[in-house]
Protein backbone atom coordinates (compact mmCIF):
# COMPACT_ATOMS: atom_id res chain seq x y z
CA MET A 1 -20.56 29.88 36.73
CA HIS A 2 -23.21 27.34 35.83
CA ASP A 3 -22.18 23.75 36.32
CA LEU A 4 -22.15 21.71 33.11
CA PRO A 5 -22.96 24.57 30.69
CA ARG A 6 -24.47 23.66 27.36
CA PRO A 7 -22.56 24.58 24.19
CA SER A 8 -23.58 27.91 22.70
CA GLY A 9 -25.14 28.21 19.25
CA PRO A 10 -27.45 25.90 17.37
CA PRO A 11 -26.30 22.38 16.45
CA PRO A 12 -25.09 21.77 12.90
CA ALA A 13 -27.98 21.48 10.50
CA THR A 14 -26.53 18.40 8.86
CA ALA A 15 -26.21 16.35 12.05
CA ALA A 16 -29.46 16.52 13.96
CA PRO A 17 -29.63 14.29 17.05
CA LEU A 18 -31.41 10.99 16.80
CA THR A 19 -35.08 11.35 17.76
CA LEU A 20 -37.29 8.57 19.02
CA PRO A 21 -40.91 8.08 17.99
CA PRO A 22 -43.37 8.93 20.76
CA ALA A 23 -44.45 5.32 21.12
CA ALA A 24 -40.86 4.34 21.91
CA VAL A 25 -40.54 6.62 24.98
CA THR A 26 -42.15 5.62 28.27
CA ALA A 27 -41.47 8.99 29.88
CA PRO A 28 -40.23 12.30 28.48
CA GLY A 29 -36.51 12.09 27.89
CA ARG A 30 -36.26 8.36 28.67
CA VAL A 31 -35.41 5.49 26.35
CA PRO A 32 -36.94 2.18 27.40
CA MET A 33 -34.96 -1.03 27.69
CA VAL A 34 -35.06 -3.19 24.61
CA GLY A 35 -37.48 -6.01 25.10
CA ALA A 36 -38.72 -4.79 28.52
CA GLN A 37 -41.85 -6.53 29.66
CA ARG A 38 -44.80 -4.22 30.19
CA ALA A 39 -48.26 -4.96 31.53
CA ALA A 40 -50.03 -4.02 28.31
CA PRO A 41 -52.13 -5.86 25.77
CA ALA A 42 -50.22 -7.72 23.09
CA ARG A 43 -51.72 -5.53 20.37
CA GLU A 44 -49.98 -2.47 21.94
CA GLU A 45 -46.64 -4.16 22.80
CA GLY A 46 -45.88 -5.27 19.25
CA PRO A 47 -45.65 -1.83 17.61
CA GLY A 48 -43.79 -0.33 20.59
CA LEU A 49 -41.12 -3.06 20.52
CA ALA A 50 -40.70 -2.72 16.77
CA GLU A 51 -40.24 1.03 17.05
CA ARG A 52 -37.72 0.65 19.86
CA LEU A 53 -35.72 -1.91 17.90
CA GLY A 54 -35.82 0.34 14.86
CA CYS A 55 -34.58 3.26 16.93
CA LEU A 56 -31.67 1.26 18.34
CA ASP A 57 -30.84 -0.05 14.89
CA ALA A 58 -30.69 3.52 13.54
CA ALA A 59 -28.51 4.57 16.49
CA THR A 60 -26.15 1.64 15.95
CA ARG A 61 -25.84 2.40 12.24
CA ARG A 62 -25.04 6.03 12.98
CA ILE A 63 -22.37 5.13 15.54
CA ASN A 64 -20.79 2.70 13.08
CA GLY A 65 -21.26 4.96 10.08
CA SER A 66 -17.69 6.31 9.92
CA LEU A 67 -14.12 5.02 10.05
CA ASP A 68 -12.88 8.33 11.45
CA LEU A 69 -12.46 8.49 15.23
CA ARG A 70 -13.63 12.10 15.62
CA THR A 71 -16.70 11.49 13.51
CA THR A 72 -17.50 8.33 15.44
CA LEU A 73 -17.38 10.14 18.80
CA ARG A 74 -19.36 13.08 17.42
CA ASP A 75 -22.07 10.74 16.12
CA LEU A 76 -22.14 8.95 19.47
CA GLY A 77 -22.86 12.28 21.15
CA ARG A 78 -25.67 13.04 18.72
CA VAL A 79 -27.22 9.65 19.38
CA LEU A 80 -27.11 9.97 23.18
CA VAL A 81 -27.84 13.71 23.60
CA PRO A 82 -30.56 14.79 24.29
CA VAL A 83 -32.50 11.53 23.91
CA LEU A 84 -30.81 9.57 26.69
CA ALA A 85 -28.79 12.23 28.53
CA ASP A 86 -28.23 15.98 28.67
CA ALA A 87 -24.48 15.63 28.16
CA MET A 88 -21.80 13.02 27.61
CA VAL A 89 -18.03 12.84 27.95
CA VAL A 90 -15.69 10.30 26.35
CA HIS A 91 -12.24 9.56 27.75
CA LEU A 92 -9.90 7.29 25.75
CA ARG A 93 -6.64 5.75 26.80
CA ASP A 94 -3.49 7.73 26.05
CA PRO A 95 -1.62 6.99 23.93
CA LEU A 96 -4.12 5.35 21.62
CA PRO A 97 -3.05 1.71 21.46
CA ALA A 98 -1.97 -0.52 18.60
CA LEU A 99 -4.72 -3.11 18.64
CA ASP A 100 -2.87 -6.05 17.12
CA ARG A 101 -2.21 -7.21 20.70
CA ASP A 102 -3.63 -6.61 24.16
CA PRO A 103 -2.02 -3.41 25.48
CA GLY A 104 -3.00 -4.19 29.06
CA PRO A 105 -4.85 -1.85 31.41
CA PRO A 106 -4.70 1.85 30.53
CA THR A 107 -2.13 3.93 32.36
CA ALA A 108 -3.63 7.26 31.30
CA LEU A 109 -6.93 8.60 29.97
CA ARG A 110 -7.35 11.69 27.81
CA LEU A 111 -10.57 13.63 27.24
CA HIS A 112 -11.40 13.15 23.55
CA HIS A 113 -14.94 14.41 23.21
CA GLY A 114 -17.51 16.27 25.25
CA HIS A 115 -21.06 16.82 24.05
CA GLY A 116 -23.23 19.34 25.90
CA THR A 117 -20.70 20.03 28.65
CA ARG A 118 -17.26 21.48 29.38
CA LEU A 119 -16.66 19.09 32.22
CA GLY A 120 -13.02 18.03 32.43
CA ARG A 121 -11.71 20.52 29.86
CA ARG A 122 -9.14 21.89 32.32
CA ALA A 123 -7.85 18.43 33.28
CA ARG A 124 -7.74 16.64 29.95
CA LEU A 125 -5.25 13.95 31.04
CA CYS A 126 -5.90 11.59 33.94
CA ARG A 127 -3.72 8.75 35.27
CA PRO A 128 -5.79 6.06 37.05
CA ALA A 129 -4.34 4.96 40.37
CA PRO A 130 -3.49 1.23 40.47
CA ASP A 131 -6.41 -0.67 41.99
CA GLY A 132 -8.27 2.64 42.35
CA PRO A 133 -11.96 3.11 41.57
CA LEU A 134 -11.27 4.33 38.03
CA ALA A 135 -9.02 1.37 37.24
CA ARG A 136 -11.66 -1.01 38.64
CA ALA A 137 -14.40 0.66 36.61
CA LEU A 138 -12.36 0.30 33.41
CA ALA A 139 -11.69 -3.36 34.13
CA ASP A 140 -15.34 -4.07 34.92
CA ARG A 141 -17.70 -4.83 32.06
CA ALA A 142 -20.73 -3.58 34.02
CA PRO A 143 -21.87 0.06 34.22
CA TYR A 144 -20.61 2.11 37.18
CA GLY A 145 -23.76 3.66 38.56
CA PRO A 146 -26.25 5.08 37.91
CA VAL A 147 -26.28 7.51 40.82
CA VAL A 148 -27.86 10.85 41.65
CA LEU A 149 -25.63 13.33 43.45
CA GLY A 150 -26.94 14.31 46.84
CA THR A 151 -28.30 10.84 47.58
CA PRO A 152 -26.59 8.16 49.73
CA GLY A 153 -25.78 5.99 46.72
CA ALA A 154 -23.70 8.74 45.11
CA GLU A 155 -20.74 8.16 47.40
CA ARG A 156 -19.60 5.08 45.45
CA LEU A 157 -19.17 7.14 42.25
CA ARG A 158 -17.52 10.19 43.80
CA PRO A 159 -13.99 8.64 44.08
CA LEU A 160 -14.08 7.72 40.40
CA LEU A 161 -15.17 11.20 39.37
CA ALA A 162 -12.58 12.78 41.65
CA GLU A 163 -9.86 10.81 39.85
CA LEU A 164 -11.17 11.94 36.47
CA TYR A 165 -11.87 15.59 37.16
CA GLY A 166 -10.51 16.45 40.59
CA ALA A 167 -12.40 17.08 43.81
CA ARG A 168 -12.76 20.79 43.09
CA THR A 169 -14.57 20.26 39.77
CA LEU A 170 -16.66 17.51 41.30
CA GLY A 171 -17.80 19.85 44.05
CA ARG A 172 -19.33 22.18 41.48
CA LEU A 173 -21.78 19.57 40.25
CA PRO A 174 -25.19 20.41 41.74
CA ALA A 175 -27.18 17.99 43.82
CA GLY A 176 -29.70 16.09 41.75
CA THR A 177 -27.29 15.49 38.84
CA ALA A 178 -27.65 11.92 37.59
CA LEU A 179 -24.48 10.16 36.37
CA LEU A 180 -23.80 6.87 34.62
CA ALA A 181 -20.29 5.65 33.74
CA LEU A 182 -19.75 2.84 31.24
CA PRO A 183 -16.45 1.31 30.05
CA LEU A 184 -15.77 1.36 26.32
CA ARG A 185 -14.32 -1.98 25.30
CA GLY A 186 -12.82 -2.93 21.98
CA ARG A 187 -12.28 -6.39 20.64
CA ARG A 188 -9.21 -7.07 22.77
CA ALA A 189 -8.86 -4.31 25.30
CA VAL A 190 -10.65 -1.62 27.24
CA LEU A 191 -10.35 1.65 25.30
CA GLY A 192 -11.84 4.24 27.62
CA LEU A 193 -14.83 5.45 29.60
CA LEU A 194 -18.18 6.96 28.65
CA LEU A 195 -19.89 9.26 31.17
CA LEU A 196 -23.56 10.19 30.74
CA ILE A 197 -25.03 13.18 32.61
CA ARG A 198 -28.57 14.25 33.34
CA ARG A 199 -29.04 17.69 34.85
CA PRO A 200 -31.49 18.60 37.62
CA GLY A 201 -34.74 19.97 36.26
CA ARG A 202 -34.61 18.15 32.92
CA ALA A 203 -37.91 17.23 31.31
CA GLY A 204 -39.05 13.86 32.60
CA LEU A 205 -37.20 11.73 35.14
CA VAL A 206 -33.67 12.74 36.09
CA ARG A 207 -32.43 9.39 37.36
CA PHE A 208 -31.41 6.63 34.97
CA GLU A 209 -33.95 3.82 35.13
CA PRO A 210 -32.95 0.18 34.50
CA GLU A 211 -34.22 0.33 30.92
CA ASP A 212 -32.16 3.51 30.34
CA THR A 213 -29.08 1.79 31.70
CA ALA A 214 -29.65 -1.24 29.47
CA THR A 215 -30.02 0.96 26.41
CA ALA A 216 -26.91 2.98 27.31
CA ARG A 217 -24.96 -0.21 27.88
CA HIS A 218 -25.95 -1.53 24.47
CA LEU A 219 -24.91 1.70 22.76
CA ALA A 220 -21.64 1.82 24.75
CA THR A 221 -20.85 -1.67 23.48
CA GLN A 222 -21.46 -0.53 19.92
CA ALA A 223 -19.40 2.62 20.53
CA GLY A 224 -16.46 0.61 21.88
CA LEU A 225 -16.45 -1.60 18.81
CA ALA A 226 -16.76 1.45 16.54
CA VAL A 227 -13.82 3.16 18.27
CA ASP A 228 -11.81 -0.05 17.93
CA THR A 229 -12.60 -0.17 14.21
CA ALA A 230 -11.73 3.50 13.74
CA LEU A 231 -8.37 3.04 15.50
CA ARG A 232 -7.53 -0.01 13.42
CA TYR A 233 -8.47 1.77 10.22
CA ALA A 234 -6.48 4.88 11.19
CA ARG A 235 -3.41 2.75 11.86
CA GLU A 236 -3.70 0.87 8.57
CA PHE A 237 -4.41 4.10 6.71
CA GLU A 238 -1.34 5.81 8.15
CA THR A 239 0.78 2.75 7.38
CA ALA A 240 -0.41 2.80 3.76
CA ARG A 241 -0.01 6.57 3.52
CA GLU A 242 3.54 6.39 4.88
CA LEU A 243 4.34 3.59 2.44
CA GLN A 244 3.03 5.71 -0.38
CA ARG A 245 5.03 8.74 0.74
CA ARG A 246 8.20 6.65 0.95
CA MET A 247 7.72 5.42 -2.60
CA LEU A 248 7.34 8.93 -4.04
CA PRO A 249 10.43 11.10 -4.69
CA THR A 250 11.13 13.63 -1.97
CA HIS A 251 12.82 15.97 -4.46
CA LEU A 252 13.38 16.15 -8.19
CA PRO A 253 16.65 16.66 -10.04
CA GLN A 254 17.18 20.10 -11.52
CA PRO A 255 19.02 19.49 -14.79
CA HIS A 256 20.27 22.36 -16.89
CA GLY A 257 17.88 23.77 -19.46
CA VAL A 258 14.67 22.92 -17.59
CA ARG A 259 13.09 23.90 -14.27
CA LEU A 260 10.88 21.37 -12.50
CA ALA A 261 8.31 21.48 -9.69
CA HIS A 262 5.86 18.94 -8.36
CA ARG A 263 2.86 18.64 -6.10
CA TYR A 264 1.25 15.62 -4.51
CA LEU A 265 -2.09 15.99 -2.70
CA PRO A 266 -3.64 12.92 -1.07
CA GLY A 267 -7.36 12.34 -1.30
CA GLU A 268 -9.81 13.14 1.46
CA SER A 269 -9.19 11.59 4.86
CA GLY A 270 -11.97 9.06 4.38
CA ALA A 271 -10.51 7.70 1.15
CA GLN A 272 -7.93 4.96 0.93
CA VAL A 273 -4.49 5.68 -0.47
CA GLY A 274 -4.18 5.82 -4.23
CA GLY A 275 -1.51 5.00 -6.78
CA ASP A 276 -0.65 8.39 -8.30
CA TRP A 277 3.04 9.01 -8.91
CA TYR A 278 5.44 11.40 -10.61
CA ASP A 279 9.12 11.18 -11.40
CA SER A 280 11.98 12.75 -13.31
CA VAL A 281 15.14 11.03 -14.55
CA GLU A 282 18.24 12.74 -15.95
CA LEU A 283 19.42 11.30 -19.29
CA PRO A 284 22.61 11.71 -21.32
CA GLY A 285 22.86 14.77 -23.52
CA ASN A 286 21.33 17.01 -20.82
CA ARG A 287 17.94 15.48 -21.57
CA VAL A 288 15.38 14.70 -18.90
CA ALA A 289 12.56 12.16 -18.69
CA LEU A 290 9.25 13.35 -17.17
CA ILE A 291 6.81 10.73 -15.89
CA VAL A 292 3.35 10.92 -14.33
CA GLY A 293 1.21 7.84 -13.72
CA ASP A 294 -1.89 6.65 -11.90
CA VAL A 295 -2.64 3.12 -10.72
CA MET A 296 -6.38 2.59 -10.85
CA GLY A 297 -8.12 1.95 -7.54
CA HIS A 298 -7.52 2.99 -3.95
CA SER A 299 -5.92 0.47 -1.64
CA LEU A 300 -2.65 -0.59 -0.11
CA THR A 301 -2.19 -2.89 -3.10
CA SER A 302 -2.57 0.07 -5.47
CA ALA A 303 0.19 1.91 -3.61
CA ALA A 304 2.44 -1.16 -3.75
CA VAL A 305 1.85 -1.61 -7.50
CA MET A 306 2.63 2.09 -7.94
CA GLY A 307 5.99 1.62 -6.24
CA GLN A 308 6.84 -1.33 -8.47
CA LEU A 309 5.88 0.51 -11.65
CA ARG A 310 7.79 3.64 -10.65
CA THR A 311 10.93 1.59 -10.01
CA SER A 312 10.53 -0.18 -13.36
CA ALA A 313 10.00 3.15 -15.13
CA GLN A 314 13.21 4.53 -13.60
CA THR A 315 15.17 1.49 -14.77
CA LEU A 316 13.73 1.67 -18.28
CA ALA A 317 14.37 5.40 -18.48
CA GLY A 318 18.02 4.77 -17.64
CA LEU A 319 18.29 2.61 -20.77
CA ASP A 320 17.48 5.71 -22.84
CA LEU A 321 14.78 3.97 -24.86
CA PRO A 322 12.21 5.91 -26.91
CA PRO A 323 9.08 6.78 -24.88
CA HIS A 324 6.85 4.26 -26.66
CA GLU A 325 9.41 1.52 -25.97
CA VAL A 326 9.49 2.47 -22.29
CA LEU A 327 5.70 2.11 -22.09
CA TYR A 328 5.82 -1.20 -23.97
CA HIS A 329 8.34 -2.70 -21.55
CA LEU A 330 6.49 -1.17 -18.60
CA ASP A 331 3.33 -2.90 -19.80
CA GLU A 332 5.23 -6.21 -20.05
CA GLN A 333 6.69 -5.72 -16.59
CA ALA A 334 3.26 -4.91 -15.13
CA ARG A 335 1.82 -8.16 -16.44
CA HIS A 336 4.86 -10.00 -15.06
CA LEU A 337 4.10 -8.50 -11.65
CA GLY A 338 0.50 -9.69 -11.89
CA ALA A 339 -0.78 -6.12 -11.97
CA GLU A 340 -3.53 -6.83 -14.52
CA GLN A 341 -6.07 -6.36 -11.75
CA HIS A 342 -4.64 -2.90 -11.07
CA LEU A 343 -4.28 -1.21 -14.44
CA ALA A 344 -2.30 2.00 -14.62
CA THR A 345 -2.22 5.01 -16.90
CA CYS A 346 0.98 6.88 -17.65
CA VAL A 347 2.49 9.70 -19.71
CA TYR A 348 6.20 9.48 -20.46
CA ALA A 349 8.02 12.45 -22.01
CA VAL A 350 11.65 13.18 -22.86
CA TYR A 351 12.77 16.81 -23.21
CA ASP A 352 15.94 17.73 -25.11
CA PRO A 353 17.07 21.27 -24.15
CA ILE A 354 19.64 21.39 -26.94
CA ALA A 355 17.28 20.41 -29.77
CA ASN A 356 14.35 22.22 -28.06
CA ARG A 357 12.11 19.22 -28.70
CA VAL A 358 9.95 16.99 -26.50
CA VAL A 359 8.94 13.41 -27.34
CA LEU A 360 5.89 11.93 -25.58
CA ALA A 361 3.98 8.66 -25.39
CA ASN A 362 0.67 8.05 -23.64
CA ALA A 363 -0.78 4.94 -22.01
CA GLY A 364 -4.43 5.81 -21.46
CA HIS A 365 -3.63 8.91 -19.39
CA VAL A 366 -5.18 12.37 -19.38
CA PRO A 367 -3.37 14.59 -21.91
CA PRO A 368 -0.68 17.03 -20.73
CA VAL A 369 -1.01 20.76 -21.26
CA LEU A 370 1.67 22.51 -23.33
CA ILE A 371 1.99 26.27 -22.84
CA GLY A 372 3.80 28.20 -25.55
CA PRO A 373 6.13 31.16 -24.97
CA ASP A 374 3.24 33.49 -25.84
CA GLY A 375 1.05 31.95 -23.11
CA ASP A 376 -1.18 29.97 -25.45
CA ALA A 377 -2.14 26.66 -23.78
CA GLU A 378 -3.28 23.50 -25.52
CA LEU A 379 -4.23 19.99 -24.49
CA LEU A 380 -1.88 17.71 -26.42
CA GLU A 381 -3.71 15.36 -28.76
CA LEU A 382 -1.53 12.29 -28.27
CA PRO A 383 -2.44 8.79 -29.43
CA PRO A 384 -4.22 7.62 -26.25
CA GLY A 385 -2.88 4.08 -26.12
CA ALA A 386 -4.21 1.56 -23.61
CA PRO A 387 -3.56 1.46 -19.87
CA ILE A 388 -0.48 -0.36 -18.65
CA GLY A 389 -1.32 -3.96 -17.81
CA VAL A 390 -3.77 -4.56 -20.68
CA GLY A 391 -1.10 -6.13 -22.87
CA GLY A 392 -0.88 -6.63 -26.62
CA VAL A 393 -1.31 -2.92 -27.43
CA ASP A 394 1.11 -0.80 -29.44
CA PHE A 395 2.27 2.57 -28.13
CA SER A 396 3.51 5.41 -30.30
CA SER A 397 5.69 8.46 -29.69
CA THR A 398 4.91 12.02 -30.74
CA GLU A 399 7.62 14.66 -31.18
CA LEU A 400 6.80 18.33 -30.65
CA ALA A 401 8.65 21.62 -30.62
CA ALA A 402 9.42 22.95 -27.13
CA PRO A 403 11.08 26.35 -27.68
CA PRO A 404 12.68 28.25 -24.80
CA GLY A 405 10.03 29.92 -22.65
CA SER A 406 7.45 27.17 -23.15
CA ALA A 407 6.20 24.93 -20.35
CA MET A 408 4.36 21.68 -19.85
CA LEU A 409 2.13 20.32 -17.07
CA LEU A 410 1.63 16.61 -16.55
CA PHE A 411 -1.05 15.62 -14.03
CA THR A 412 -3.42 12.89 -12.90
CA ASP A 413 -7.19 12.92 -13.36
CA GLY A 414 -7.86 13.86 -9.73
CA LEU A 415 -7.05 17.45 -10.70
CA VAL A 416 -9.74 17.75 -13.38
CA GLU A 417 -12.37 15.13 -12.54
CA THR A 418 -14.55 15.31 -9.43
CA ARG A 419 -17.85 13.86 -8.28
CA ARG A 420 -19.75 16.81 -9.72
CA ARG A 421 -17.54 17.79 -12.65
CA PRO A 422 -16.93 15.60 -15.71
CA LEU A 423 -13.46 15.06 -17.08
CA THR A 424 -13.94 17.08 -20.28
CA THR A 425 -15.17 20.12 -18.36
CA GLY A 426 -12.26 19.94 -15.94
CA LEU A 427 -9.72 19.66 -18.77
CA GLU A 428 -11.08 22.75 -20.49
CA LEU A 429 -11.12 24.69 -17.21
CA LEU A 430 -7.49 23.76 -16.64
CA ARG A 431 -6.43 24.72 -20.15
CA ALA A 432 -8.20 28.09 -19.90
CA ARG A 433 -6.71 28.74 -16.47
CA LEU A 434 -3.15 28.05 -17.58
CA ALA A 435 -3.58 30.14 -20.73
CA VAL A 436 -4.52 33.16 -18.59
CA ALA A 437 -2.34 32.68 -15.54
CA HIS A 438 0.86 31.22 -16.97
CA ARG A 439 3.97 32.65 -15.34
CA HIS A 440 7.60 31.70 -15.92
CA SER A 441 8.01 29.52 -12.85
CA PRO A 442 7.13 25.83 -12.39
CA GLU A 443 6.00 26.55 -8.82
CA HIS A 444 3.54 29.17 -10.05
CA LEU A 445 2.38 26.76 -12.74
CA CYS A 446 1.49 24.18 -10.07
CA GLN A 447 -0.30 26.80 -7.97
CA ASP A 448 -2.32 28.03 -10.96
CA ALA A 449 -3.30 24.47 -11.84
CA LEU A 450 -4.55 23.72 -8.33
CA ARG A 451 -6.85 26.74 -8.45
CA VAL A 452 -9.21 24.82 -10.76
CA LEU A 453 -10.09 22.51 -7.85
CA PRO A 454 -13.56 23.16 -6.42
CA PRO A 455 -13.80 23.77 -2.66
CA GLY A 456 -14.27 20.73 -0.48
CA ASP A 457 -12.58 17.41 0.08
CA ARG A 458 -10.72 15.64 -2.69
CA ALA A 459 -12.00 12.18 -3.41
CA ASP A 460 -8.90 11.25 -5.40
CA ASP A 461 -5.16 11.79 -5.16
CA ILE A 462 -3.53 14.45 -7.31
CA ALA A 463 -0.02 14.35 -8.76
CA LEU A 464 1.43 17.27 -10.72
CA LEU A 465 4.72 17.63 -12.55
CA ALA A 466 5.45 21.05 -14.06
CA ALA A 467 8.38 21.76 -16.39
CA VAL A 468 9.46 25.14 -17.74
CA PHE A 469 11.71 24.74 -20.76
CA ASP A 470 14.65 27.17 -20.87
CA GLY A 471 16.77 25.28 -23.38
CA ILE A 472 20.53 25.45 -23.88
CA PRO A 473 21.80 27.84 -26.59
CA ALA A 474 23.48 26.19 -29.56
CA GLY A 475 26.57 28.34 -28.97
CA ASP A 476 27.12 26.55 -25.65
CA VAL A 477 27.29 23.11 -27.28
CA ALA A 478 30.14 21.51 -29.25
CA TYR A 479 29.52 18.11 -30.86
CA TRP A 480 31.68 15.85 -33.04
CA TYR A 481 31.66 12.39 -34.62
CA LEU A 482 35.12 10.78 -34.51
CA GLN A 483 36.25 7.71 -36.39
CA PRO A 484 37.76 4.98 -34.15
CA ARG A 485 41.40 5.37 -35.28
CA ARG A 486 44.72 5.56 -33.47
CA GLU A 487 45.06 9.31 -34.09
CA THR A 488 41.53 10.07 -32.82
CA PRO A 489 42.48 10.81 -29.14
CA GLY A 490 44.90 13.54 -30.30
CA ARG A 491 42.26 15.08 -32.55
CA ALA A 492 39.74 14.98 -29.69
CA ARG A 493 42.18 16.91 -27.46
CA ARG A 494 42.62 19.63 -30.08
CA LEU A 495 38.86 19.96 -30.66
CA ALA A 496 38.19 20.25 -26.93
CA ALA A 497 40.93 22.87 -26.50
CA HIS A 498 39.51 24.93 -29.37
CA ALA A 499 36.00 24.89 -27.86
CA LEU A 500 37.33 25.95 -24.44
CA ARG A 501 39.24 28.87 -25.96
CA ARG A 502 36.08 29.98 -27.73
CA TRP A 503 34.21 29.95 -24.41
CA GLY A 504 37.03 31.65 -22.50
CA LEU A 505 37.66 28.57 -20.35
CA GLU A 506 41.39 28.15 -20.99
CA GLN A 507 41.91 27.45 -17.25
CA LEU A 508 40.16 24.10 -17.74
CA SER A 509 42.04 23.13 -20.88
CA GLU A 510 44.78 21.02 -19.30
CA SER A 511 42.51 18.83 -17.16
CA THR A 512 39.79 18.63 -19.80
CA GLU A 513 42.18 17.59 -22.58
CA LEU A 514 43.68 14.91 -20.35
CA MET A 515 40.29 13.42 -19.42
CA VAL A 516 38.95 13.64 -22.99
CA SER A 517 42.02 11.80 -24.24
CA GLU A 518 41.60 9.00 -21.71
CA LEU A 519 37.89 8.51 -22.41
CA VAL A 520 38.26 8.61 -26.20
CA THR A 521 41.19 6.19 -26.03
CA ASN A 522 39.05 3.76 -24.05
CA ALA A 523 36.11 4.23 -26.43
CA ILE A 524 37.96 3.53 -29.66
CA ARG A 525 39.39 0.35 -28.12
CA HIS A 526 35.88 -1.17 -28.08
CA ALA A 527 33.93 0.82 -30.70
CA THR A 528 33.04 -0.46 -34.17
CA ARG A 529 31.29 2.76 -35.24
CA PRO A 530 32.13 6.47 -34.93
CA VAL A 531 32.66 7.76 -31.39
CA THR A 532 30.77 10.87 -30.25
CA LEU A 533 32.30 13.74 -28.28
CA ARG A 534 30.07 16.45 -26.81
CA LEU A 535 30.97 19.47 -24.67
CA VAL A 536 28.19 21.49 -23.04
CA ARG A 537 28.70 24.75 -21.15
CA THR A 538 26.05 25.67 -18.59
CA SER A 539 26.82 26.57 -14.98
CA ARG A 540 29.25 23.63 -15.29
CA LEU A 541 31.30 22.12 -18.09
CA ARG A 542 30.05 18.69 -19.08
CA CYS A 543 31.83 16.32 -21.43
CA GLU A 544 30.27 13.13 -22.86
CA VAL A 545 32.02 10.43 -24.87
CA GLY A 546 29.76 7.83 -26.48
CA ASP A 547 30.43 4.57 -28.32
CA ASP A 548 28.44 1.54 -29.48
CA SER A 549 29.80 -0.91 -26.90
CA PRO A 550 27.28 -1.72 -24.11
CA ALA A 551 30.02 -2.70 -21.63
CA LEU A 552 30.23 -0.09 -18.88
CA PRO A 553 33.76 0.85 -17.76
CA ARG A 554 34.77 0.09 -14.20
CA ALA A 555 37.54 1.82 -12.31
CA ARG A 556 40.16 -0.68 -11.15
CA ARG A 557 43.52 -0.54 -9.45
CA ALA A 558 46.31 -0.87 -12.01
CA GLY A 559 49.57 -2.56 -11.07
CA PRO A 560 53.02 -1.03 -11.63
CA GLU A 561 53.57 -3.08 -14.79
CA ASP A 562 50.07 -2.59 -16.29
CA GLU A 563 49.87 -0.52 -19.46
CA HIS A 564 46.12 0.12 -19.13
CA GLY A 565 43.58 0.69 -16.37
CA ARG A 566 44.58 4.16 -15.17
CA GLY A 567 42.25 6.23 -17.39
CA LEU A 568 39.22 6.20 -15.11
CA GLN A 569 41.41 6.81 -12.08
CA ILE A 570 42.65 9.99 -13.77
CA VAL A 571 39.07 11.03 -14.60
CA ALA A 572 37.88 10.35 -11.06
CA ARG A 573 40.75 12.43 -9.65
CA CYS A 574 40.39 15.41 -11.99
CA ALA A 575 36.60 15.68 -12.42
CA ASP A 576 34.10 16.95 -9.88
CA GLU A 577 31.69 14.19 -10.95
CA TRP A 578 31.76 11.39 -13.49
CA GLY A 579 29.70 8.40 -14.48
CA ALA A 580 28.63 6.02 -17.23
CA THR A 581 25.17 5.37 -18.66
CA ARG A 582 24.14 2.46 -20.84
CA LEU A 583 22.09 3.45 -23.87
CA GLY A 584 19.92 1.48 -26.23
CA ALA A 585 22.81 1.30 -28.72
CA GLY A 586 25.91 1.58 -26.55
CA LYS A 587 26.94 3.79 -23.67
CA VAL A 588 28.02 7.28 -22.67
CA VAL A 589 30.82 8.08 -20.23
CA TRP A 590 30.72 11.62 -18.88
CA PHE A 591 32.41 13.99 -16.48
CA GLU A 592 31.65 17.47 -15.13
CA GLN A 593 33.78 20.33 -13.86
CA ARG A 594 32.92 23.56 -12.10
CA LEU A 595 33.48 26.69 -14.15
CA PRO A 596 36.23 28.98 -12.85
CA ALA A 597 35.05 32.06 -10.99
CA ARG A 598 34.84 35.18 -13.11
CA ARG A 599 37.16 38.01 -12.16
């Protein structure tokens, strides 16, 4: 086996190695030291120095041209090979340190990149011995070498190489191989080691001359700083990405009458985190709020603003306000938070599975796509509104039919707008795609939508929220308005019992009548307008009692002599779930029960 084999295949066409102008090379394959004094007329030294400085400037810019660690090391290899060496190997400390403080001397090194050689591939992890040659070389700011194997001076580098690669691998290196080891130092700590290799028989001189060493040392300094920057950026990027993930919902509710699915795709690895978000909030009456938004810009601040707006939108949705009112208050809240410098777009929709209607409002966002039961897809022409944070702009709601079998996709502009494709073209591609490929599943709807993305990295985040509207049949809903009178609880019990008999749910009559009576009794005690009673049969039985009092009931412990205060205790004991929701004009208290198993 040949020692130090070169990688097979041609190098990538888009990353050619740095080449030096002929006047900048004193011997084939050698890079002269910057500013080296030569016995030559001044009229010849000037252009040569300028070319050498230009070459080093180009090399430095390439090494520092990326915030990605892999790209940085790859570019370092393309700068050094084959101009300064035939091969190079980079070892970095393991684990990669957090650079907000000095991590101390490295306890382990891991092979991170090899260019032009497979040296060390079998022993990727190395633990420097305390006070050993490798530990001393990492602590020293000066190069270790250069040496040529087979010469007397090579013995001082052999112990270091034996620690890195083992004596067996070291023994395979042929005599005449020139080696130069340089520590890679960051701003606060040593980060690793760079090893340069020249093979016997290379064009030009094999040994590293002083000017070669000076050039390599300069580039190693730049590489250490570039690695430090890449590690810092990676840590900050992951912190921001994790913050963003934590602020997005991990799962969506699955209310009756609608099926939901979502997708979130971050932008390309080189982009900063964005502010795209999606959400869904269950509302009284089996309704559901659907929200998709996008904070403009890409930064940690954008992600933080996104989290604040999403929390505000959840709170406003819980008040059961009309969509345009939600956007109005969200706009006010955004300006309170000082988010004017980070405007946001948003679409807010409320779907009612009983009425088979959807009400939407738009704040400068891309329009949703509504797919009819027949598969026809259309971009909704909603009043565009202004982005959240502008202030002083009215929003308006639009109500549309959403019959069973229809679907809707809400999304951010990263899905339809790319560097090479304008927004209008992307919107039409999406509409045409969904019209052809619509299937009755929200997951399939998301997959079909993502197929409009062109190949390659995404420069922007993408958030999708897909809803397939199944509706709730009118025969599964019973609804009454009841006047707040003393005899109303008894009438409510009879109405509930009649509905349960019609649905064949007589087994639930006793508990349901008891809970309905307690909730209606409590409602008429505070109501000034008619009380509402609604029963909905889905996979569960849900009962809702609404009144115009905003005060939410609280379960409390009633004493032996108390005449009141036991109603909610009875509901909590008999129901599988119960709760209370404040509305814009009052409240709703609800409970749910499992349906009895069919025989």
